[in-house]
Amino acid sequence: MANGKTSGENRTEQQAGTASWLGVVLWVTLVVLVFGSALIVGGVGWAQSSDSSATAGFQSGEVTDKQGRTISISGQGYSLSSEAVIKDDEGRTKGEKDLVPGTLVKFHLSRGSADQIDQIVIILPR
C-alpha cells in the first residue's frame, strides 16, 4: 500500500487497462477485416469478369471470319466501332489481332445499332 491504494483498487485499475487495450485490439481487428475483405472482393471482380453479371446484355458466339474491321461471329457479320474495347475474360486489354477464327467471345452492340460492336470479351480456354 505504498501508493495509498488497496490491492482491490490496483486490481480494478489493471482490469480497466486490460479491458481498454482489448477494446482497441478488437476495433483494429474489425477494421482490418472489413477493409481487407473489400480489397479481396474488388480484386476478384476483375478475375471473374467473364461471369454473367459482368457481361449482362452481351451476345455470345465464335469468331468465324475477320476482314479488317469487319468480323463474323457465328456466321453473322458485324463491324467494330472506332472505339471498340477488346479485353479477355480476365480484364486484360487485347487487340484486333487476337480476334481469330475459332475464338469464343461475348460482345455488345453499340446503342441503336444492329451490327456495330463496341465491346468484345475474349473467352480464354480453361
N, C-alpha and C. Protein backbone atom coordinates (compact mmCIF):
# COMPACT_ATOMS: atom_id res chain seq x y z
N MET A 1 0.81 -1.19 0.00
CA MET A 1 0.00 0.00 0.00
C MET A 1 0.86 1.26 0.00
N ALA A 2 1.97 1.20 -0.69
CA ALA A 2 2.87 2.34 -0.73
C ALA A 2 2.23 3.51 -1.47
N ASN A 3 1.35 3.24 -2.41
CA ASN A 3 0.72 4.32 -3.17
C ASN A 3 -0.62 4.74 -2.56
N GLY A 4 -0.96 4.19 -1.44
CA GLY A 4 -2.18 4.55 -0.74
C GLY A 4 -3.42 3.87 -1.27
N LYS A 5 -3.26 2.85 -2.08
CA LYS A 5 -4.40 2.14 -2.65
C LYS A 5 -4.41 0.72 -2.13
N THR A 6 -5.59 0.17 -2.04
CA THR A 6 -5.71 -1.22 -1.60
C THR A 6 -5.42 -2.12 -2.78
N SER A 7 -5.16 -3.39 -2.50
CA SER A 7 -4.89 -4.33 -3.58
C SER A 7 -6.11 -4.48 -4.49
N GLY A 8 -7.30 -4.32 -3.98
CA GLY A 8 -8.52 -4.39 -4.79
C GLY A 8 -8.60 -3.24 -5.76
N GLU A 9 -8.19 -2.04 -5.33
CA GLU A 9 -8.20 -0.88 -6.22
C GLU A 9 -7.17 -1.05 -7.34
N ASN A 10 -5.98 -1.58 -7.00
CA ASN A 10 -4.95 -1.82 -8.02
C ASN A 10 -5.44 -2.83 -9.05
N ARG A 11 -6.11 -3.90 -8.58
CA ARG A 11 -6.62 -4.92 -9.48
C ARG A 11 -7.69 -4.33 -10.41
N THR A 12 -8.56 -3.45 -9.90
CA THR A 12 -9.61 -2.84 -10.70
C THR A 12 -9.00 -1.97 -11.79
N GLU A 13 -7.94 -1.21 -11.46
CA GLU A 13 -7.28 -0.38 -12.46
C GLU A 13 -6.60 -1.25 -13.52
N GLN A 14 -6.02 -2.36 -13.12
CA GLN A 14 -5.38 -3.27 -14.07
C GLN A 14 -6.43 -3.87 -15.01
N GLN A 15 -7.56 -4.25 -14.44
CA GLN A 15 -8.63 -4.82 -15.26
C GLN A 15 -9.17 -3.79 -16.25
N ALA A 16 -9.31 -2.54 -15.81
CA ALA A 16 -9.80 -1.48 -16.68
C ALA A 16 -8.79 -1.24 -17.81
N GLY A 17 -7.51 -1.24 -17.49
CA GLY A 17 -6.48 -1.06 -18.51
C GLY A 17 -6.47 -2.19 -19.51
N THR A 18 -6.62 -3.42 -19.02
CA THR A 18 -6.66 -4.59 -19.89
C THR A 18 -7.90 -4.54 -20.79
N ALA A 19 -9.04 -4.16 -20.22
CA ALA A 19 -10.28 -4.07 -20.99
C ALA A 19 -10.15 -3.00 -22.08
N SER A 20 -9.53 -1.89 -21.74
CA SER A 20 -9.33 -0.82 -22.72
C SER A 20 -8.42 -1.29 -23.85
N TRP A 21 -7.34 -1.95 -23.52
CA TRP A 21 -6.40 -2.48 -24.52
C TRP A 21 -7.09 -3.52 -25.41
N LEU A 22 -7.86 -4.38 -24.79
CA LEU A 22 -8.59 -5.41 -25.54
C LEU A 22 -9.59 -4.77 -26.50
N GLY A 23 -10.25 -3.71 -26.09
CA GLY A 23 -11.19 -3.00 -26.96
C GLY A 23 -10.50 -2.42 -28.18
N VAL A 24 -9.31 -1.85 -27.98
CA VAL A 24 -8.54 -1.28 -29.09
C VAL A 24 -8.14 -2.39 -30.06
N VAL A 25 -7.66 -3.51 -29.55
CA VAL A 25 -7.25 -4.63 -30.39
C VAL A 25 -8.43 -5.15 -31.20
N LEU A 26 -9.58 -5.31 -30.57
CA LEU A 26 -10.77 -5.79 -31.28
C LEU A 26 -11.21 -4.80 -32.36
N TRP A 27 -11.17 -3.52 -32.06
CA TRP A 27 -11.56 -2.50 -33.03
C TRP A 27 -10.63 -2.53 -34.25
N VAL A 28 -9.33 -2.59 -34.02
CA VAL A 28 -8.36 -2.64 -35.12
C VAL A 28 -8.57 -3.90 -35.95
N THR A 29 -8.81 -5.03 -35.29
CA THR A 29 -9.06 -6.29 -36.00
C THR A 29 -10.29 -6.17 -36.89
N LEU A 30 -11.34 -5.57 -36.37
CA LEU A 30 -12.56 -5.40 -37.14
C LEU A 30 -12.32 -4.52 -38.37
N VAL A 31 -11.60 -3.43 -38.20
CA VAL A 31 -11.30 -2.53 -39.31
C VAL A 31 -10.48 -3.26 -40.38
N VAL A 32 -9.48 -4.02 -39.97
CA VAL A 32 -8.65 -4.76 -40.92
C VAL A 32 -9.49 -5.78 -41.68
N LEU A 33 -10.37 -6.49 -40.99
CA LEU A 33 -11.22 -7.47 -41.65
C LEU A 33 -12.14 -6.82 -42.68
N VAL A 34 -12.76 -5.71 -42.32
CA VAL A 34 -13.69 -5.04 -43.23
C VAL A 34 -12.96 -4.53 -44.46
N PHE A 35 -11.86 -3.79 -44.28
CA PHE A 35 -11.15 -3.24 -45.43
C PHE A 35 -10.42 -4.33 -46.21
N GLY A 36 -9.91 -5.32 -45.53
CA GLY A 36 -9.24 -6.43 -46.22
C GLY A 36 -10.21 -7.20 -47.10
N SER A 37 -11.42 -7.42 -46.59
CA SER A 37 -12.44 -8.11 -47.38
C SER A 37 -12.82 -7.30 -48.61
N ALA A 38 -12.92 -5.99 -48.44
CA ALA A 38 -13.27 -5.13 -49.58
C ALA A 38 -12.18 -5.20 -50.65
N LEU A 39 -10.94 -5.24 -50.26
CA LEU A 39 -9.85 -5.33 -51.23
C LEU A 39 -9.86 -6.66 -51.95
N ILE A 40 -10.12 -7.74 -51.21
CA ILE A 40 -10.15 -9.07 -51.82
C ILE A 40 -11.30 -9.17 -52.81
N VAL A 41 -12.49 -8.72 -52.40
CA VAL A 41 -13.65 -8.79 -53.27
C VAL A 41 -13.43 -7.94 -54.51
N GLY A 42 -12.86 -6.76 -54.37
CA GLY A 42 -12.57 -5.89 -55.51
C GLY A 42 -11.61 -6.54 -56.48
N GLY A 43 -10.60 -7.21 -55.97
CA GLY A 43 -9.62 -7.87 -56.82
C GLY A 43 -10.20 -9.06 -57.56
N VAL A 44 -11.10 -9.77 -56.91
CA VAL A 44 -11.71 -10.93 -57.54
C VAL A 44 -12.64 -10.52 -58.67
N GLY A 45 -13.22 -9.34 -58.58
CA GLY A 45 -14.14 -8.87 -59.61
C GLY A 45 -13.53 -8.87 -60.98
N TRP A 46 -12.28 -8.42 -61.13
CA TRP A 46 -11.63 -8.42 -62.43
C TRP A 46 -11.36 -9.82 -62.92
N ALA A 47 -10.98 -10.67 -62.00
CA ALA A 47 -10.66 -12.03 -62.41
C ALA A 47 -11.90 -12.77 -62.89
N GLN A 48 -13.06 -12.35 -62.44
CA GLN A 48 -14.29 -13.04 -62.82
C GLN A 48 -15.12 -12.23 -63.80
N SER A 49 -14.46 -11.41 -64.59
CA SER A 49 -15.21 -10.56 -65.48
C SER A 49 -15.98 -11.32 -66.55
N SER A 50 -15.71 -12.59 -66.73
CA SER A 50 -16.45 -13.36 -67.72
C SER A 50 -17.76 -13.91 -67.16
N ASP A 51 -18.03 -13.69 -65.87
CA ASP A 51 -19.28 -14.20 -65.33
C ASP A 51 -20.46 -13.44 -65.92
N SER A 52 -21.65 -13.95 -65.73
CA SER A 52 -22.82 -13.41 -66.40
C SER A 52 -23.16 -11.99 -65.96
N SER A 53 -22.83 -11.59 -64.73
CA SER A 53 -23.17 -10.24 -64.29
C SER A 53 -22.32 -9.19 -64.99
N ALA A 54 -21.06 -9.50 -65.29
CA ALA A 54 -20.17 -8.54 -65.94
C ALA A 54 -20.49 -8.41 -67.43
N THR A 55 -21.12 -9.40 -68.01
CA THR A 55 -21.42 -9.37 -69.44
C THR A 55 -22.93 -9.46 -69.70
N ALA A 56 -23.71 -8.97 -68.75
CA ALA A 56 -25.16 -8.95 -68.94
C ALA A 56 -25.49 -8.11 -70.16
N GLY A 57 -26.36 -8.60 -71.01
CA GLY A 57 -26.72 -7.89 -72.22
C GLY A 57 -25.79 -8.16 -73.39
N PHE A 58 -24.78 -8.99 -73.19
CA PHE A 58 -23.85 -9.35 -74.25
C PHE A 58 -24.38 -10.59 -74.98
N GLN A 59 -24.01 -10.71 -76.23
CA GLN A 59 -24.30 -11.90 -77.01
C GLN A 59 -23.05 -12.78 -77.02
N SER A 60 -23.22 -14.05 -77.27
CA SER A 60 -22.09 -14.98 -77.31
C SER A 60 -21.95 -15.58 -78.69
N GLY A 61 -20.74 -15.99 -79.01
CA GLY A 61 -20.52 -16.65 -80.28
C GLY A 61 -19.06 -16.99 -80.48
N GLU A 62 -18.78 -17.48 -81.68
CA GLU A 62 -17.42 -17.85 -82.06
C GLU A 62 -17.03 -17.07 -83.30
N VAL A 63 -15.83 -16.49 -83.26
CA VAL A 63 -15.34 -15.76 -84.43
C VAL A 63 -15.20 -16.76 -85.58
N THR A 64 -15.86 -16.45 -86.71
CA THR A 64 -15.78 -17.34 -87.87
C THR A 64 -14.98 -16.72 -89.02
N ASP A 65 -14.81 -15.39 -88.99
CA ASP A 65 -14.01 -14.73 -90.03
C ASP A 65 -13.70 -13.30 -89.57
N LYS A 66 -12.62 -12.74 -90.11
CA LYS A 66 -12.27 -11.35 -89.81
C LYS A 66 -11.57 -10.76 -91.02
N GLN A 67 -12.11 -9.65 -91.51
CA GLN A 67 -11.53 -8.92 -92.64
C GLN A 67 -11.47 -7.45 -92.24
N GLY A 68 -10.29 -6.95 -91.91
CA GLY A 68 -10.16 -5.56 -91.48
C GLY A 68 -10.94 -5.32 -90.20
N ARG A 69 -11.87 -4.35 -90.23
CA ARG A 69 -12.68 -4.04 -89.05
C ARG A 69 -14.05 -4.72 -89.12
N THR A 70 -14.19 -5.67 -90.05
CA THR A 70 -15.41 -6.45 -90.15
C THR A 70 -15.14 -7.83 -89.58
N ILE A 71 -16.03 -8.28 -88.72
CA ILE A 71 -15.84 -9.57 -88.05
C ILE A 71 -17.12 -10.38 -88.18
N SER A 72 -16.97 -11.66 -88.45
CA SER A 72 -18.12 -12.56 -88.46
C SER A 72 -18.08 -13.38 -87.18
N ILE A 73 -19.20 -13.36 -86.48
CA ILE A 73 -19.34 -14.15 -85.25
C ILE A 73 -20.50 -15.10 -85.46
N SER A 74 -20.18 -16.38 -85.40
CA SER A 74 -21.17 -17.44 -85.65
C SER A 74 -21.89 -17.21 -86.98
N GLY A 75 -21.13 -16.76 -87.98
CA GLY A 75 -21.66 -16.59 -89.33
C GLY A 75 -22.36 -15.26 -89.59
N GLN A 76 -22.54 -14.43 -88.57
CA GLN A 76 -23.21 -13.13 -88.72
C GLN A 76 -22.16 -12.03 -88.80
N GLY A 77 -22.30 -11.11 -89.78
CA GLY A 77 -21.32 -10.05 -89.97
C GLY A 77 -21.56 -8.84 -89.08
N TYR A 78 -20.50 -8.30 -88.50
CA TYR A 78 -20.54 -7.11 -87.65
C TYR A 78 -19.34 -6.23 -88.00
N SER A 79 -19.44 -4.95 -87.66
CA SER A 79 -18.28 -4.06 -87.78
C SER A 79 -17.86 -3.63 -86.38
N LEU A 80 -16.57 -3.38 -86.22
CA LEU A 80 -16.07 -2.88 -84.95
C LEU A 80 -16.16 -1.37 -84.94
N SER A 81 -16.73 -0.78 -83.90
CA SER A 81 -16.78 0.68 -83.81
C SER A 81 -15.36 1.21 -83.67
N SER A 82 -15.17 2.48 -83.96
CA SER A 82 -13.83 3.06 -83.88
C SER A 82 -13.28 3.05 -82.45
N GLU A 83 -14.15 3.01 -81.46
CA GLU A 83 -13.71 2.97 -80.06
C GLU A 83 -13.95 1.60 -79.42
N ALA A 84 -14.05 0.56 -80.21
CA ALA A 84 -14.34 -0.77 -79.67
C ALA A 84 -13.30 -1.17 -78.63
N VAL A 85 -13.78 -1.68 -77.50
CA VAL A 85 -12.93 -2.15 -76.42
C VAL A 85 -12.84 -3.67 -76.53
N ILE A 86 -11.61 -4.18 -76.58
CA ILE A 86 -11.39 -5.62 -76.68
C ILE A 86 -10.58 -6.05 -75.48
N LYS A 87 -11.16 -6.92 -74.65
CA LYS A 87 -10.48 -7.44 -73.46
C LYS A 87 -10.69 -8.93 -73.38
N ASP A 88 -9.86 -9.60 -72.56
CA ASP A 88 -10.13 -11.02 -72.31
C ASP A 88 -10.95 -11.12 -71.03
N ASP A 89 -11.36 -12.33 -70.71
CA ASP A 89 -12.24 -12.51 -69.55
C ASP A 89 -11.51 -12.38 -68.21
N GLU A 90 -10.24 -12.02 -68.25
CA GLU A 90 -9.50 -11.69 -67.03
C GLU A 90 -9.23 -10.20 -66.95
N GLY A 91 -9.81 -9.43 -67.87
CA GLY A 91 -9.72 -7.98 -67.83
C GLY A 91 -8.53 -7.37 -68.54
N ARG A 92 -7.72 -8.19 -69.19
CA ARG A 92 -6.54 -7.68 -69.90
C ARG A 92 -6.93 -7.13 -71.27
N THR A 93 -6.37 -5.99 -71.61
CA THR A 93 -6.64 -5.37 -72.91
C THR A 93 -6.04 -6.23 -74.01
N LYS A 94 -6.82 -6.44 -75.05
CA LYS A 94 -6.39 -7.21 -76.22
C LYS A 94 -6.56 -6.35 -77.46
N GLY A 95 -6.08 -6.84 -78.59
CA GLY A 95 -6.19 -6.11 -79.85
C GLY A 95 -6.98 -6.89 -80.88
N GLU A 96 -7.22 -6.24 -82.00
CA GLU A 96 -7.96 -6.88 -83.09
C GLU A 96 -7.26 -8.15 -83.57
N LYS A 97 -5.94 -8.19 -83.48
CA LYS A 97 -5.17 -9.36 -83.92
C LYS A 97 -5.53 -10.61 -83.11
N ASP A 98 -6.11 -10.41 -81.92
CA ASP A 98 -6.50 -11.55 -81.07
C ASP A 98 -7.85 -12.14 -81.47
N LEU A 99 -8.54 -11.50 -82.39
CA LEU A 99 -9.85 -11.97 -82.84
C LEU A 99 -9.66 -12.83 -84.08
N VAL A 100 -9.32 -14.08 -83.86
CA VAL A 100 -9.06 -15.01 -84.96
C VAL A 100 -10.17 -16.06 -85.01
N PRO A 101 -10.39 -16.65 -86.18
CA PRO A 101 -11.41 -17.70 -86.26
C PRO A 101 -11.20 -18.78 -85.20
N GLY A 102 -12.31 -19.16 -84.59
CA GLY A 102 -12.27 -20.17 -83.53
C GLY A 102 -12.29 -19.58 -82.13
N THR A 103 -12.07 -18.26 -82.01
CA THR A 103 -12.06 -17.60 -80.70
C THR A 103 -13.48 -17.45 -80.18
N LEU A 104 -13.72 -17.90 -78.95
CA LEU A 104 -15.02 -17.71 -78.31
C LEU A 104 -15.08 -16.31 -77.73
N VAL A 105 -16.20 -15.62 -77.96
CA VAL A 105 -16.34 -14.23 -77.50
C VAL A 105 -17.73 -13.97 -76.94
N LYS A 106 -17.81 -12.91 -76.15
CA LYS A 106 -19.07 -12.27 -75.78
C LYS A 106 -18.94 -10.86 -76.29
N PHE A 107 -19.99 -10.32 -76.88
CA PHE A 107 -19.89 -9.00 -77.49
C PHE A 107 -21.14 -8.17 -77.23
N HIS A 108 -20.93 -6.86 -77.28
CA HIS A 108 -22.01 -5.90 -77.03
C HIS A 108 -22.14 -4.99 -78.24
N LEU A 109 -23.37 -4.78 -78.68
CA LEU A 109 -23.61 -3.90 -79.83
C LEU A 109 -23.77 -2.46 -79.35
N SER A 110 -23.27 -1.53 -80.16
CA SER A 110 -23.41 -0.11 -79.85
C SER A 110 -24.89 0.23 -79.74
N ARG A 111 -25.19 1.17 -78.87
CA ARG A 111 -26.59 1.60 -78.67
C ARG A 111 -27.19 2.05 -79.99
N GLY A 112 -28.35 1.53 -80.30
CA GLY A 112 -29.06 1.91 -81.52
C GLY A 112 -28.54 1.26 -82.78
N SER A 113 -27.61 0.31 -82.65
CA SER A 113 -27.05 -0.34 -83.83
C SER A 113 -27.36 -1.83 -83.80
N ALA A 114 -27.59 -2.38 -84.97
CA ALA A 114 -27.86 -3.81 -85.06
C ALA A 114 -26.62 -4.60 -85.46
N ASP A 115 -25.55 -3.87 -85.87
CA ASP A 115 -24.40 -4.61 -86.38
C ASP A 115 -23.04 -3.99 -86.05
N GLN A 116 -23.00 -3.04 -85.12
CA GLN A 116 -21.72 -2.42 -84.77
C GLN A 116 -21.37 -2.77 -83.32
N ILE A 117 -20.21 -3.39 -83.15
CA ILE A 117 -19.76 -3.86 -81.85
C ILE A 117 -18.94 -2.78 -81.16
N ASP A 118 -19.27 -2.51 -79.87
CA ASP A 118 -18.48 -1.55 -79.11
C ASP A 118 -17.65 -2.21 -78.01
N GLN A 119 -17.97 -3.46 -77.66
CA GLN A 119 -17.20 -4.18 -76.64
C GLN A 119 -17.15 -5.67 -76.99
N ILE A 120 -15.97 -6.24 -76.82
CA ILE A 120 -15.81 -7.68 -77.01
C ILE A 120 -14.99 -8.23 -75.85
N VAL A 121 -15.45 -9.35 -75.31
CA VAL A 121 -14.70 -10.08 -74.28
C VAL A 121 -14.29 -11.41 -74.89
N ILE A 122 -12.99 -11.65 -74.96
CA ILE A 122 -12.47 -12.92 -75.46
C ILE A 122 -12.50 -13.93 -74.32
N ILE A 123 -13.15 -15.06 -74.55
CA ILE A 123 -13.24 -16.10 -73.53
C ILE A 123 -12.00 -16.99 -73.66
N LEU A 124 -11.18 -16.96 -72.63
CA LEU A 124 -9.94 -17.75 -72.66
C LEU A 124 -10.23 -19.23 -72.42
N PRO A 125 -9.46 -20.12 -73.05
CA PRO A 125 -9.64 -21.55 -72.79
C PRO A 125 -9.31 -21.86 -71.34
N ARG A 126 -10.02 -22.75 -70.74
CA ARG A 126 -9.79 -23.14 -69.33
C ARG A 126 -9.28 -24.54 -69.25
